[in-house]
N, C-alpha and C. Protein backbone atom coordinates (compact mmCIF):
# COMPACT_ATOMS: atom_id res chain seq x y z
N MET A 1 0.84 -1.19 0.00
CA MET A 1 0.00 0.00 0.00
C MET A 1 0.88 1.24 0.00
N MET A 2 0.57 2.17 -0.87
CA MET A 2 1.30 3.43 -0.96
C MET A 2 0.76 4.40 0.08
N ASN A 3 1.64 4.99 0.89
CA ASN A 3 1.20 5.93 1.92
C ASN A 3 1.26 7.38 1.47
N GLU A 4 2.05 7.65 0.40
CA GLU A 4 2.28 9.03 -0.01
C GLU A 4 2.37 9.13 -1.53
N ILE A 5 1.90 10.24 -2.06
CA ILE A 5 2.02 10.51 -3.49
C ILE A 5 2.45 11.97 -3.65
N ILE A 6 3.26 12.22 -4.67
CA ILE A 6 3.78 13.57 -4.90
C ILE A 6 3.29 14.05 -6.27
N PHE A 7 2.75 15.26 -6.29
CA PHE A 7 2.36 15.91 -7.53
C PHE A 7 3.31 17.04 -7.85
N MET A 8 3.78 17.11 -9.10
CA MET A 8 4.57 18.22 -9.56
C MET A 8 3.60 19.25 -10.13
N VAL A 9 3.60 20.44 -9.55
CA VAL A 9 2.68 21.50 -9.96
C VAL A 9 3.48 22.57 -10.70
N GLU A 10 3.01 22.91 -11.89
CA GLU A 10 3.68 23.91 -12.71
C GLU A 10 2.68 24.93 -13.23
N ASP A 11 3.18 26.13 -13.55
CA ASP A 11 2.34 27.12 -14.22
C ASP A 11 2.02 26.61 -15.62
N SER A 12 0.79 26.75 -16.03
CA SER A 12 0.39 26.33 -17.37
C SER A 12 0.68 27.47 -18.35
N PRO A 13 1.16 27.15 -19.54
CA PRO A 13 1.39 28.20 -20.54
C PRO A 13 0.11 28.95 -20.91
N ASP A 14 -1.03 28.31 -20.72
CA ASP A 14 -2.32 28.93 -21.03
C ASP A 14 -2.91 29.68 -19.84
N GLY A 15 -2.18 29.74 -18.74
CA GLY A 15 -2.69 30.33 -17.50
C GLY A 15 -3.15 29.24 -16.56
N GLY A 16 -3.13 29.50 -15.29
CA GLY A 16 -3.52 28.50 -14.31
C GLY A 16 -2.38 27.55 -13.99
N TYR A 17 -2.72 26.33 -13.60
CA TYR A 17 -1.75 25.36 -13.12
C TYR A 17 -2.04 23.97 -13.66
N THR A 18 -0.98 23.17 -13.77
CA THR A 18 -1.13 21.75 -14.08
C THR A 18 -0.48 20.96 -12.95
N ALA A 19 -0.98 19.76 -12.70
CA ALA A 19 -0.42 18.89 -11.66
C ALA A 19 -0.34 17.48 -12.21
N GLU A 20 0.84 16.88 -12.06
CA GLU A 20 1.06 15.51 -12.52
C GLU A 20 1.68 14.70 -11.40
N ALA A 21 1.10 13.53 -11.12
CA ALA A 21 1.62 12.65 -10.07
C ALA A 21 2.89 11.97 -10.57
N LEU A 22 3.89 11.92 -9.71
CA LEU A 22 5.13 11.25 -10.05
C LEU A 22 4.94 9.75 -9.91
N GLY A 23 5.23 9.01 -10.97
CA GLY A 23 5.13 7.56 -10.94
C GLY A 23 3.72 7.00 -11.11
N GLN A 24 2.75 7.87 -11.35
CA GLN A 24 1.37 7.44 -11.54
C GLN A 24 0.78 8.16 -12.74
N SER A 25 -0.26 7.63 -13.32
CA SER A 25 -0.92 8.26 -14.47
C SER A 25 -2.08 9.12 -13.99
N ILE A 26 -1.74 10.16 -13.23
CA ILE A 26 -2.77 11.07 -12.71
C ILE A 26 -2.36 12.48 -13.11
N PHE A 27 -3.25 13.20 -13.79
CA PHE A 27 -2.98 14.54 -14.27
C PHE A 27 -4.24 15.36 -14.14
N THR A 28 -4.08 16.62 -13.72
CA THR A 28 -5.22 17.52 -13.66
C THR A 28 -4.73 18.95 -13.83
N GLU A 29 -5.67 19.87 -14.00
CA GLU A 29 -5.33 21.28 -14.16
C GLU A 29 -6.45 22.14 -13.60
N ALA A 30 -6.12 23.42 -13.35
CA ALA A 30 -7.11 24.34 -12.80
C ALA A 30 -6.60 25.77 -12.96
N ASP A 31 -7.51 26.73 -12.74
CA ASP A 31 -7.15 28.14 -12.86
C ASP A 31 -6.52 28.70 -11.58
N THR A 32 -6.90 28.15 -10.43
CA THR A 32 -6.39 28.65 -9.15
C THR A 32 -5.84 27.49 -8.32
N VAL A 33 -5.04 27.81 -7.32
CA VAL A 33 -4.49 26.76 -6.45
C VAL A 33 -5.58 26.06 -5.65
N PRO A 34 -6.54 26.77 -5.05
CA PRO A 34 -7.61 26.05 -4.34
C PRO A 34 -8.40 25.12 -5.25
N GLU A 35 -8.67 25.55 -6.47
CA GLU A 35 -9.38 24.72 -7.44
C GLU A 35 -8.52 23.51 -7.83
N LEU A 36 -7.22 23.72 -7.96
CA LEU A 36 -6.30 22.62 -8.29
C LEU A 36 -6.29 21.57 -7.19
N LYS A 37 -6.26 22.01 -5.94
CA LYS A 37 -6.28 21.06 -4.82
C LYS A 37 -7.55 20.22 -4.83
N ALA A 38 -8.68 20.85 -5.11
CA ALA A 38 -9.95 20.11 -5.18
C ALA A 38 -9.92 19.12 -6.35
N ASN A 39 -9.34 19.53 -7.48
CA ASN A 39 -9.25 18.65 -8.65
C ASN A 39 -8.32 17.47 -8.38
N ILE A 40 -7.24 17.71 -7.64
CA ILE A 40 -6.32 16.62 -7.29
C ILE A 40 -7.04 15.59 -6.43
N LEU A 41 -7.80 16.05 -5.45
CA LEU A 41 -8.55 15.12 -4.59
C LEU A 41 -9.56 14.32 -5.41
N ASP A 42 -10.24 14.97 -6.35
CA ASP A 42 -11.18 14.26 -7.23
C ASP A 42 -10.47 13.23 -8.08
N ALA A 43 -9.31 13.62 -8.64
CA ALA A 43 -8.54 12.70 -9.48
C ALA A 43 -8.07 11.49 -8.67
N MET A 44 -7.69 11.71 -7.42
CA MET A 44 -7.25 10.62 -6.56
C MET A 44 -8.40 9.64 -6.31
N LYS A 45 -9.59 10.16 -6.07
CA LYS A 45 -10.76 9.30 -5.85
C LYS A 45 -11.06 8.46 -7.08
N CYS A 46 -10.89 9.06 -8.26
CA CYS A 46 -11.15 8.33 -9.51
C CYS A 46 -10.08 7.28 -9.79
N HIS A 47 -8.83 7.57 -9.47
CA HIS A 47 -7.72 6.68 -9.78
C HIS A 47 -7.64 5.48 -8.84
N TYR A 48 -7.91 5.71 -7.57
CA TYR A 48 -7.80 4.64 -6.57
C TYR A 48 -9.18 4.21 -6.12
N ASP A 49 -9.48 2.92 -6.27
CA ASP A 49 -10.75 2.40 -5.76
C ASP A 49 -10.70 2.33 -4.24
N SER A 50 -9.56 1.90 -3.73
CA SER A 50 -9.34 1.83 -2.29
C SER A 50 -7.85 2.04 -2.06
N ASN A 51 -7.42 2.03 -0.83
CA ASN A 51 -6.01 2.24 -0.49
C ASN A 51 -5.47 3.55 -1.03
N VAL A 52 -6.25 4.61 -0.91
CA VAL A 52 -5.80 5.94 -1.34
C VAL A 52 -4.65 6.37 -0.44
N PRO A 53 -3.55 6.88 -1.02
CA PRO A 53 -2.46 7.38 -0.18
C PRO A 53 -2.96 8.43 0.80
N LYS A 54 -2.48 8.36 2.02
CA LYS A 54 -2.94 9.28 3.08
C LYS A 54 -2.29 10.65 2.97
N ILE A 55 -1.08 10.72 2.37
CA ILE A 55 -0.37 11.99 2.26
C ILE A 55 -0.24 12.34 0.78
N ILE A 56 -0.66 13.55 0.43
CA ILE A 56 -0.52 14.07 -0.93
C ILE A 56 0.36 15.30 -0.84
N ARG A 57 1.53 15.21 -1.43
CA ARG A 57 2.47 16.34 -1.43
C ARG A 57 2.39 17.06 -2.76
N LEU A 58 2.40 18.39 -2.69
CA LEU A 58 2.42 19.22 -3.90
C LEU A 58 3.77 19.90 -3.97
N HIS A 59 4.50 19.62 -5.05
CA HIS A 59 5.81 20.22 -5.28
C HIS A 59 5.64 21.29 -6.36
N PHE A 60 5.70 22.57 -5.96
CA PHE A 60 5.51 23.66 -6.90
C PHE A 60 6.83 23.98 -7.59
N VAL A 61 6.81 23.94 -8.92
CA VAL A 61 8.00 24.22 -9.72
C VAL A 61 7.77 25.54 -10.44
N LYS A 62 8.68 26.47 -10.24
CA LYS A 62 8.56 27.79 -10.85
C LYS A 62 9.77 28.01 -11.74
N GLU A 63 9.54 28.26 -13.01
CA GLU A 63 10.63 28.51 -13.94
C GLU A 63 10.81 30.01 -14.15
N GLU A 64 12.04 30.47 -14.05
CA GLU A 64 12.37 31.86 -14.32
C GLU A 64 13.55 31.91 -15.27
N VAL A 65 13.56 32.90 -16.11
CA VAL A 65 14.64 33.07 -17.07
C VAL A 65 15.37 34.36 -16.76
N LEU A 66 16.69 34.28 -16.63
CA LEU A 66 17.52 35.46 -16.41
C LEU A 66 18.36 35.69 -17.65
N GLN A 67 18.55 36.95 -18.03
CA GLN A 67 19.38 37.28 -19.17
C GLN A 67 20.33 38.39 -18.80
N TYR A 68 21.53 38.28 -19.33
CA TYR A 68 22.47 39.39 -19.20
C TYR A 68 22.12 40.45 -20.21
N ALA A 69 22.23 41.70 -19.80
CA ALA A 69 21.91 42.81 -20.70
C ALA A 69 23.08 43.13 -21.60
C-alpha cells in the first residue's frame, strides 16, 4: 500500500496550473491553487478504488529566465 504521493505543480502556458503525479498516471489542471487542490482530490478518488495514499504532497516548480543585458 502506498502511503504518499507527490504531484509536480507547474504554471500552465495557457494560464492556471497543471499537476502531474510522479510515478502514476494522474494529471489535472485548474485556474487557481484552491481549485487545483480540489481537482487533485477528485482525481485521486477516480484513480484509486481503495487504499488511497494518506499523504498528498504538492511540489511547486517555478521557472524563471535570467538574461544578461
